[in-house]
């Protein structure tokens, strides 16, 4: 059995992972496919915003999410004293 601290750590880890995956899904599938029509009324650098999200925006968000996840996991590791020095 896991201790309460280990259970809390993994619960926090899973919450963070789920939040990141939901953001990635909403941006890549939602903005790039589902909401592409309404977003195409807005232009970004001469391109329709729905097209931009489908081609580039979701990639940028994914890279930002990678750095956010690494930073937040570092904080979680220190908070639960499982960090590496």
PDB file of N, CA and C in Angstrom:
ATOM      1  N   UNK A   1       0.828  -1.187   0.000  1.00  0.00           N
ATOM      2  CA  UNK A   1       0.000   0.000   0.000  1.00  0.00           C
ATOM      3  C   UNK A   1       0.875   1.254   0.000  1.00  0.00           C
ATOM      4  N   UNK A   2       0.359   2.260  -0.646  1.00  0.00           N
ATOM      5  CA  UNK A   2       1.058   3.530  -0.661  1.00  0.00           C
ATOM      6  C   UNK A   2       0.695   4.343   0.573  1.00  0.00           C
ATOM      7  N   UNK A   3       1.651   5.132   1.037  1.00  0.00           N
ATOM      8  CA  UNK A   3       1.372   6.006   2.171  1.00  0.00           C
ATOM      9  C   UNK A   3       0.468   7.157   1.712  1.00  0.00           C
ATOM     10  N   UNK A   4      -0.078   7.869   2.672  1.00  0.00           N
ATOM     11  CA  UNK A   4      -0.962   9.000   2.339  1.00  0.00           C
ATOM     12  C   UNK A   4      -0.213  10.055   1.542  1.00  0.00           C
ATOM     13  N   UNK A   5       1.059  10.276   1.863  1.00  0.00           N
ATOM     14  CA  UNK A   5       1.860  11.253   1.137  1.00  0.00           C
ATOM     15  C   UNK A   5       2.048  10.822  -0.315  1.00  0.00           C
ATOM     16  N   UNK A   6       2.333   9.544  -0.532  1.00  0.00           N
ATOM     17  CA  UNK A   6       2.511   9.046  -1.894  1.00  0.00           C
ATOM     18  C   UNK A   6       1.205   9.120  -2.672  1.00  0.00           C
ATOM     19  N   UNK A   7       0.085   8.820  -2.023  1.00  0.00           N
ATOM     20  CA  UNK A   7      -1.215   8.915  -2.690  1.00  0.00           C
ATOM     21  C   UNK A   7      -1.526  10.361  -3.062  1.00  0.00           C
ATOM     22  N   UNK A   8      -1.217  11.293  -2.177  1.00  0.00           N
ATOM     23  CA  UNK A   8      -1.450  12.714  -2.456  1.00  0.00           C
ATOM     24  C   UNK A   8      -0.562  13.180  -3.607  1.00  0.00           C
ATOM     25  N   UNK A   9       0.678  12.709  -3.626  1.00  0.00           N
ATOM     26  CA  UNK A   9       1.599  13.069  -4.712  1.00  0.00           C
ATOM     27  C   UNK A   9       1.070  12.593  -6.057  1.00  0.00           C
ATOM     28  N   UNK A  10       0.649  11.337  -6.126  1.00  0.00           N
ATOM     29  CA  UNK A  10       0.158  10.801  -7.393  1.00  0.00           C
ATOM     30  C   UNK A  10      -1.172  11.412  -7.792  1.00  0.00           C
ATOM     31  N   UNK A  11      -1.993  11.757  -6.816  1.00  0.00           N
ATOM     32  CA  UNK A  11      -3.252  12.438  -7.131  1.00  0.00           C
ATOM     33  C   UNK A  11      -2.980  13.816  -7.735  1.00  0.00           C
ATOM     34  N   UNK A  12      -2.030  14.546  -7.163  1.00  0.00           N
ATOM     35  CA  UNK A  12      -1.657  15.855  -7.695  1.00  0.00           C
ATOM     36  C   UNK A  12      -1.040  15.712  -9.083  1.00  0.00           C
ATOM     37  N   UNK A  13      -0.212  14.688  -9.266  1.00  0.00           N
ATOM     38  CA  UNK A  13       0.409  14.424 -10.557  1.00  0.00           C
ATOM     39  C   UNK A  13      -0.656  14.131 -11.611  1.00  0.00           C
ATOM     40  N   UNK A  14      -1.616  13.296 -11.284  1.00  0.00           N
ATOM     41  CA  UNK A  14      -2.679  12.957 -12.234  1.00  0.00           C
ATOM     42  C   UNK A  14      -3.564  14.157 -12.549  1.00  0.00           C
ATOM     43  N   UNK A  15      -3.859  14.990 -11.546  1.00  0.00           N
ATOM     44  CA  UNK A  15      -4.648  16.202 -11.801  1.00  0.00           C
ATOM     45  C   UNK A  15      -3.933  17.106 -12.790  1.00  0.00           C
ATOM     46  N   UNK A  16      -2.645  17.302 -12.574  1.00  0.00           N
ATOM     47  CA  UNK A  16      -1.855  18.143 -13.473  1.00  0.00           C
ATOM     48  C   UNK A  16      -1.839  17.563 -14.879  1.00  0.00           C
ATOM     49  N   UNK A  17      -1.641  16.266 -14.988  1.00  0.00           N
ATOM     50  CA  UNK A  17      -1.613  15.605 -16.286  1.00  0.00           C
ATOM     51  C   UNK A  17      -2.954  15.727 -17.001  1.00  0.00           C
ATOM     52  N   UNK A  18      -4.043  15.543 -16.283  1.00  0.00           N
ATOM     53  CA  UNK A  18      -5.373  15.648 -16.887  1.00  0.00           C
ATOM     54  C   UNK A  18      -5.643  17.074 -17.361  1.00  0.00           C
ATOM     55  N   UNK A  19      -5.266  18.058 -16.567  1.00  0.00           N
ATOM     56  CA  UNK A  19      -5.455  19.454 -16.967  1.00  0.00           C
ATOM     57  C   UNK A  19      -4.673  19.752 -18.242  1.00  0.00           C
ATOM     58  N   UNK A  20      -3.426  19.316 -18.303  1.00  0.00           N
ATOM     59  CA  UNK A  20      -2.605  19.548 -19.496  1.00  0.00           C
ATOM     60  C   UNK A  20      -3.194  18.852 -20.719  1.00  0.00           C
ATOM     61  N   UNK A  21      -3.654  17.628 -20.555  1.00  0.00           N
ATOM     62  CA  UNK A  21      -4.240  16.902 -21.682  1.00  0.00           C
ATOM     63  C   UNK A  21      -5.548  17.518 -22.148  1.00  0.00           C
ATOM     64  N   UNK A  22      -6.352  18.010 -21.231  1.00  0.00           N
ATOM     65  CA  UNK A  22      -7.603  18.667 -21.619  1.00  0.00           C
ATOM     66  C   UNK A  22      -7.316  19.953 -22.384  1.00  0.00           C
ATOM     67  N   UNK A  23      -6.358  20.741 -21.912  1.00  0.00           N
ATOM     68  CA  UNK A  23      -5.983  21.968 -22.631  1.00  0.00           C
ATOM     69  C   UNK A  23      -5.483  21.621 -24.020  1.00  0.00           C
ATOM     70  N   UNK A  24      -4.637  20.608 -24.130  1.00  0.00           N
ATOM     71  CA  UNK A  24      -4.102  20.205 -25.427  1.00  0.00           C
ATOM     72  C   UNK A  24      -5.227  19.740 -26.348  1.00  0.00           C
ATOM     73  N   UNK A  25      -6.173  18.972 -25.835  1.00  0.00           N
ATOM     74  CA  UNK A  25      -7.285  18.495 -26.639  1.00  0.00           C
ATOM     75  C   UNK A  25      -8.157  19.658 -27.124  1.00  0.00           C
ATOM     76  N   UNK A  26      -8.481  20.567 -26.205  1.00  0.00           N
ATOM     77  CA  UNK A  26      -9.345  21.689 -26.576  1.00  0.00           C
ATOM     78  C   UNK A  26      -8.685  22.547 -27.637  1.00  0.00           C
ATOM     79  N   UNK A  27      -7.395  22.798 -27.499  1.00  0.00           N
ATOM     80  CA  UNK A  27      -6.702  23.639 -28.471  1.00  0.00           C
ATOM     81  C   UNK A  27      -6.529  22.918 -29.800  1.00  0.00           C
ATOM     82  N   UNK A  28      -6.075  21.666 -29.774  1.00  0.00           N
ATOM     83  CA  UNK A  28      -5.785  20.987 -31.044  1.00  0.00           C
ATOM     84  C   UNK A  28      -7.052  20.521 -31.750  1.00  0.00           C
ATOM     85  N   UNK A  29      -7.947  19.850 -31.045  1.00  0.00           N
ATOM     86  CA  UNK A  29      -9.152  19.334 -31.677  1.00  0.00           C
ATOM     87  C   UNK A  29     -10.251  20.389 -31.721  1.00  0.00           C
ATOM     88  N   UNK A  30     -10.432  21.089 -30.596  1.00  0.00           N
ATOM     89  CA  UNK A  30     -11.499  22.079 -30.527  1.00  0.00           C
ATOM     90  C   UNK A  30     -11.260  23.264 -31.437  1.00  0.00           C
ATOM     91  N   UNK A  31     -10.145  23.969 -31.231  1.00  0.00           N
ATOM     92  CA  UNK A  31      -9.870  25.172 -32.015  1.00  0.00           C
ATOM     93  C   UNK A  31      -9.493  24.837 -33.455  1.00  0.00           C
ATOM     94  N   UNK A  32      -8.840  23.711 -33.664  1.00  0.00           N
ATOM     95  CA  UNK A  32      -8.394  23.369 -35.016  1.00  0.00           C
ATOM     96  C   UNK A  32      -9.458  22.708 -35.872  1.00  0.00           C
ATOM     97  N   UNK A  33     -10.459  22.047 -35.242  1.00  0.00           N
ATOM     98  CA  UNK A  33     -11.457  21.306 -36.021  1.00  0.00           C
ATOM     99  C   UNK A  33     -12.878  21.740 -35.680  1.00  0.00           C
ATOM    100  N   UNK A  34     -13.273  21.601 -34.421  1.00  0.00           N
ATOM    101  CA  UNK A  34     -14.662  21.866 -34.043  1.00  0.00           C
ATOM    102  C   UNK A  34     -15.064  23.324 -34.192  1.00  0.00           C
ATOM    103  N   UNK A  35     -14.218  24.231 -33.740  1.00  0.00           N
ATOM    104  CA  UNK A  35     -14.548  25.653 -33.770  1.00  0.00           C
ATOM    105  C   UNK A  35     -13.813  26.395 -34.884  1.00  0.00           C
ATOM    106  N   UNK A  36     -13.338  25.670 -35.881  1.00  0.00           N
ATOM    107  CA  UNK A  36     -12.575  26.301 -36.967  1.00  0.00           C
ATOM    108  C   UNK A  36     -13.436  27.280 -37.754  1.00  0.00           C
ATOM    109  N   UNK A  37     -14.697  26.939 -37.976  1.00  0.00           N
ATOM    110  CA  UNK A  37     -15.587  27.826 -38.734  1.00  0.00           C
ATOM    111  C   UNK A  37     -15.732  29.195 -38.101  1.00  0.00           C
ATOM    112  N   UNK A  38     -16.176  29.264 -36.841  1.00  0.00           N
ATOM    113  CA  UNK A  38     -16.293  30.591 -36.205  1.00  0.00           C
ATOM    114  C   UNK A  38     -14.941  31.300 -36.061  1.00  0.00           C
ATOM    115  N   UNK A  39     -13.873  30.529 -35.804  1.00  0.00           N
ATOM    116  CA  UNK A  39     -12.553  31.155 -35.649  1.00  0.00           C
ATOM    117  C   UNK A  39     -12.007  31.690 -36.966  1.00  0.00           C
ATOM    118  N   UNK A  40     -12.499  31.173 -38.088  1.00  0.00           N
ATOM    119  CA  UNK A  40     -12.021  31.641 -39.387  1.00  0.00           C
ATOM    120  C   UNK A  40     -12.450  33.073 -39.690  1.00  0.00           C
ATOM    121  N   UNK A  41     -13.390  33.607 -38.922  1.00  0.00           N
ATOM    122  CA  UNK A  41     -13.791  35.007 -39.101  1.00  0.00           C
ATOM    123  C   UNK A  41     -12.731  35.960 -38.561  1.00  0.00           C
ATOM    124  N   UNK A  42     -11.810  35.446 -37.759  1.00  0.00           N
ATOM    125  CA  UNK A  42     -10.726  36.254 -37.186  1.00  0.00           C
ATOM    126  C   UNK A  42      -9.446  35.935 -37.963  1.00  0.00           C
ATOM    127  N   UNK A  43      -8.699  36.957 -38.276  1.00  0.00           N
ATOM    128  CA  UNK A  43      -7.454  36.750 -39.020  1.00  0.00           C
ATOM    129  C   UNK A  43      -6.248  37.033 -38.129  1.00  0.00           C
ATOM    130  N   UNK A  44      -5.216  36.216 -38.299  1.00  0.00           N
ATOM    131  CA  UNK A  44      -3.972  36.377 -37.545  1.00  0.00           C
ATOM    132  C   UNK A  44      -2.822  36.319 -38.552  1.00  0.00           C
ATOM    133  N   UNK A  45      -2.188  37.441 -38.777  1.00  0.00           N
ATOM    134  CA  UNK A  45      -1.091  37.502 -39.736  1.00  0.00           C
ATOM    135  C   UNK A  45      -1.517  37.169 -41.155  1.00  0.00           C
ATOM    136  N   UNK A  46      -2.755  37.497 -41.498  1.00  0.00           N
ATOM    137  CA  UNK A  46      -3.249  37.226 -42.838  1.00  0.00           C
ATOM    138  C   UNK A  46      -3.882  35.858 -43.005  1.00  0.00           C
ATOM    139  N   UNK A  47      -3.794  35.018 -42.005  1.00  0.00           N
ATOM    140  CA  UNK A  47      -4.376  33.672 -42.062  1.00  0.00           C
ATOM    141  C   UNK A  47      -5.605  33.596 -41.183  1.00  0.00           C
ATOM    142  N   UNK A  48      -6.522  32.742 -41.560  1.00  0.00           N
ATOM    143  CA  UNK A  48      -7.705  32.522 -40.738  1.00  0.00           C
ATOM    144  C   UNK A  48      -7.279  31.843 -39.442  1.00  0.00           C
ATOM    145  N   UNK A  49      -7.875  32.267 -38.314  1.00  0.00           N
ATOM    146  CA  UNK A  49      -7.445  31.793 -37.002  1.00  0.00           C
ATOM    147  C   UNK A  49      -7.665  30.288 -36.840  1.00  0.00           C
ATOM    148  N   UNK A  50      -8.749  29.739 -37.379  1.00  0.00           N
ATOM    149  CA  UNK A  50      -8.980  28.293 -37.307  1.00  0.00           C
ATOM    150  C   UNK A  50      -7.887  27.519 -38.025  1.00  0.00           C
ATOM    151  N   UNK A  51      -7.495  27.998 -39.193  1.00  0.00           N
ATOM    152  CA  UNK A  51      -6.405  27.378 -39.945  1.00  0.00           C
ATOM    153  C   UNK A  51      -5.092  27.491 -39.175  1.00  0.00           C
ATOM    154  N   UNK A  52      -4.843  28.667 -38.584  1.00  0.00           N
ATOM    155  CA  UNK A  52      -3.610  28.880 -37.843  1.00  0.00           C
ATOM    156  C   UNK A  52      -3.503  27.918 -36.664  1.00  0.00           C
ATOM    157  N   UNK A  53      -4.603  27.751 -35.906  1.00  0.00           N
ATOM    158  CA  UNK A  53      -4.586  26.812 -34.785  1.00  0.00           C
ATOM    159  C   UNK A  53      -4.346  25.392 -35.270  1.00  0.00           C
ATOM    160  N   UNK A  54      -4.969  25.011 -36.367  1.00  0.00           N
ATOM    161  CA  UNK A  54      -4.801  23.651 -36.879  1.00  0.00           C
ATOM    162  C   UNK A  54      -3.373  23.410 -37.350  1.00  0.00           C
ATOM    163  N   UNK A  55      -2.724  24.415 -37.895  1.00  0.00           N
ATOM    164  CA  UNK A  55      -1.395  24.223 -38.470  1.00  0.00           C
ATOM    165  C   UNK A  55      -0.254  24.543 -37.514  1.00  0.00           C
ATOM    166  N   UNK A  56      -0.394  25.607 -36.722  1.00  0.00           N
ATOM    167  CA  UNK A  56       0.734  26.041 -35.896  1.00  0.00           C
ATOM    168  C   UNK A  56       0.378  26.239 -34.439  1.00  0.00           C
ATOM    169  N   UNK A  57      -0.785  26.766 -34.167  1.00  0.00           N
ATOM    170  CA  UNK A  57      -1.156  27.131 -32.804  1.00  0.00           C
ATOM    171  C   UNK A  57      -1.131  25.968 -31.842  1.00  0.00           C
ATOM    172  N   UNK A  58      -1.633  24.826 -32.271  1.00  0.00           N
ATOM    173  CA  UNK A  58      -1.665  23.671 -31.371  1.00  0.00           C
ATOM    174  C   UNK A  58      -0.249  23.179 -31.064  1.00  0.00           C
ATOM    175  N   UNK A  59       0.665  23.326 -31.996  1.00  0.00           N
ATOM    176  CA  UNK A  59       2.055  22.930 -31.758  1.00  0.00           C
ATOM    177  C   UNK A  59       2.691  23.869 -30.729  1.00  0.00           C
ATOM    178  N   UNK A  60       2.449  25.171 -30.879  1.00  0.00           N
ATOM    179  CA  UNK A  60       2.988  26.132 -29.914  1.00  0.00           C
ATOM    180  C   UNK A  60       2.444  25.866 -28.516  1.00  0.00           C
ATOM    181  N   UNK A  61       1.144  25.619 -28.423  1.00  0.00           N
ATOM    182  CA  UNK A  61       0.531  25.337 -27.127  1.00  0.00           C
ATOM    183  C   UNK A  61       1.117  24.059 -26.537  1.00  0.00           C
ATOM    184  N   UNK A  62       1.349  23.042 -27.366  1.00  0.00           N
ATOM    185  CA  UNK A  62       1.926  21.796 -26.891  1.00  0.00           C
ATOM    186  C   UNK A  62       3.316  22.031 -26.298  1.00  0.00           C
ATOM    187  N   UNK A  63       4.140  22.816 -26.952  1.00  0.00           N
ATOM    188  CA  UNK A  63       5.489  23.107 -26.447  1.00  0.00           C
ATOM    189  C   UNK A  63       5.405  23.884 -25.134  1.00  0.00           C
ATOM    190  N   UNK A  64       4.496  24.847 -25.048  1.00  0.00           N
ATOM    191  CA  UNK A  64       4.308  25.595 -23.804  1.00  0.00           C
ATOM    192  C   UNK A  64       3.852  24.656 -22.688  1.00  0.00           C
ATOM    193  N   UNK A  65       2.957  23.719 -23.005  1.00  0.00           N
ATOM    194  CA  UNK A  65       2.485  22.758 -22.008  1.00  0.00           C
ATOM    195  C   UNK A  65       3.612  21.853 -21.508  1.00  0.00           C
ATOM    196  N   UNK A  66       4.545  21.502 -22.372  1.00  0.00           N
ATOM    197  CA  UNK A  66       5.688  20.690 -21.945  1.00  0.00           C
ATOM    198  C   UNK A  66       6.498  21.430 -20.893  1.00  0.00           C
ATOM    199  N   UNK A  67       6.806  22.696 -21.151  1.00  0.00           N
ATOM    200  CA  UNK A  67       7.584  23.477 -20.195  1.00  0.00           C
ATOM    201  C   UNK A  67       6.797  23.721 -18.910  1.00  0.00           C
ATOM    202  N   UNK A  68       5.493  23.991 -19.038  1.00  0.00           N
ATOM    203  CA  UNK A  68       4.652  24.187 -17.859  1.00  0.00           C
ATOM    204  C   UNK A  68       4.616  22.918 -17.017  1.00  0.00           C
ATOM    205  N   UNK A  69       4.443  21.766 -17.656  1.00  0.00           N
ATOM    206  CA  UNK A  69       4.388  20.498 -16.928  1.00  0.00           C
ATOM    207  C   UNK A  69       5.703  20.231 -16.194  1.00  0.00           C
ATOM    208  N   UNK A  70       6.822  20.458 -16.860  1.00  0.00           N
ATOM    209  CA  UNK A  70       8.127  20.234 -16.224  1.00  0.00           C
ATOM    210  C   UNK A  70       8.321  21.168 -15.032  1.00  0.00           C
ATOM    211  N   UNK A  71       7.948  22.439 -15.194  1.00  0.00           N
ATOM    212  CA  UNK A  71       8.082  23.405 -14.104  1.00  0.00           C
ATOM    213  C   UNK A  71       7.187  23.036 -12.929  1.00  0.00           C
ATOM    214  N   UNK A  72       5.924  22.690 -13.230  1.00  0.00           N
ATOM    215  CA  UNK A  72       4.972  22.362 -12.165  1.00  0.00           C
ATOM    216  C   UNK A  72       5.344  21.050 -11.472  1.00  0.00           C
ATOM    217  N   UNK A  73       5.837  20.074 -12.213  1.00  0.00           N
ATOM    218  CA  UNK A  73       6.270  18.818 -11.594  1.00  0.00           C
ATOM    219  C   UNK A  73       7.474  19.046 -10.696  1.00  0.00           C
ATOM    220  N   UNK A  74       8.353  19.950 -11.072  1.00  0.00           N
ATOM    221  CA  UNK A  74       9.481  20.296 -10.205  1.00  0.00           C
ATOM    222  C   UNK A  74       8.993  20.859  -8.880  1.00  0.00           C
ATOM    223  N   UNK A  75       7.968  21.715  -8.944  1.00  0.00           N
ATOM    224  CA  UNK A  75       7.395  22.262  -7.714  1.00  0.00           C
ATOM    225  C   UNK A  75       6.722  21.172  -6.894  1.00  0.00           C
ATOM    226  N   UNK A  76       5.985  20.280  -7.561  1.00  0.00           N
ATOM    227  CA  UNK A  76       5.329  19.177  -6.843  1.00  0.00           C
ATOM    228  C   UNK A  76       6.355  18.255  -6.193  1.00  0.00           C
ATOM    229  N   UNK A  77       7.419  17.959  -6.919  1.00  0.00           N
ATOM    230  CA  UNK A  77       8.467  17.093  -6.368  1.00  0.00           C
ATOM    231  C   UNK A  77       9.078  17.697  -5.110  1.00  0.00           C
ATOM    232  N   UNK A  78       9.340  19.014  -5.134  1.00  0.00           N
ATOM    233  CA  UNK A  78       9.892  19.660  -3.951  1.00  0.00           C
ATOM    234  C   UNK A  78       8.875  19.706  -2.815  1.00  0.00           C
ATOM    235  N   UNK A  79       7.617  19.921  -3.162  1.00  0.00           N
ATOM    236  CA  UNK A  79       6.565  19.986  -2.147  1.00  0.00           C
ATOM    237  C   UNK A  79       6.410  18.657  -1.405  1.00  0.00           C
ATOM    238  N   UNK A  80       6.528  17.544  -2.137  1.00  0.00           N
ATOM    239  CA  UNK A  80       6.378  16.224  -1.527  1.00  0.00           C
ATOM    240  C   UNK A  80       7.723  15.575  -1.194  1.00  0.00           C
ATOM    241  N   UNK A  81       8.804  16.338  -1.325  1.00  0.00           N
ATOM    242  CA  UNK A  81      10.147  15.910  -0.979  1.00  0.00           C
ATOM    243  C   UNK A  81      10.566  14.640  -1.721  1.00  0.00           C
ATOM    244  N   UNK A  82      10.314  14.614  -3.013  1.00  0.00           N
ATOM    245  CA  UNK A  82      10.774  13.501  -3.851  1.00  0.00           C
ATOM    246  C   UNK A  82      11.670  14.026  -4.985  1.00  0.00           C
ATOM    247  N   UNK A  83      12.175  15.239  -4.817  1.00  0.00           N
ATOM    248  CA  UNK A  83      12.973  15.873  -5.864  1.00  0.00           C
ATOM    249  C   UNK A  83      14.377  15.302  -5.898  1.00  0.00           C
ATOM    250  N   UNK A  84      15.013  15.509  -7.039  1.00  0.00           N
ATOM    251  CA  UNK A  84      16.405  15.110  -7.218  1.00  0.00           C
ATOM    252  C   UNK A  84      17.255  16.367  -7.186  1.00  0.00           C
ATOM    253  N   UNK A  85      18.353  16.315  -6.495  1.00  0.00           N
ATOM    254  CA  UNK A  85      19.239  17.489  -6.438  1.00  0.00           C
ATOM    255  C   UNK A  85      20.435  17.309  -7.299  1.00  0.00           C
TER     256      UNK A  85
END
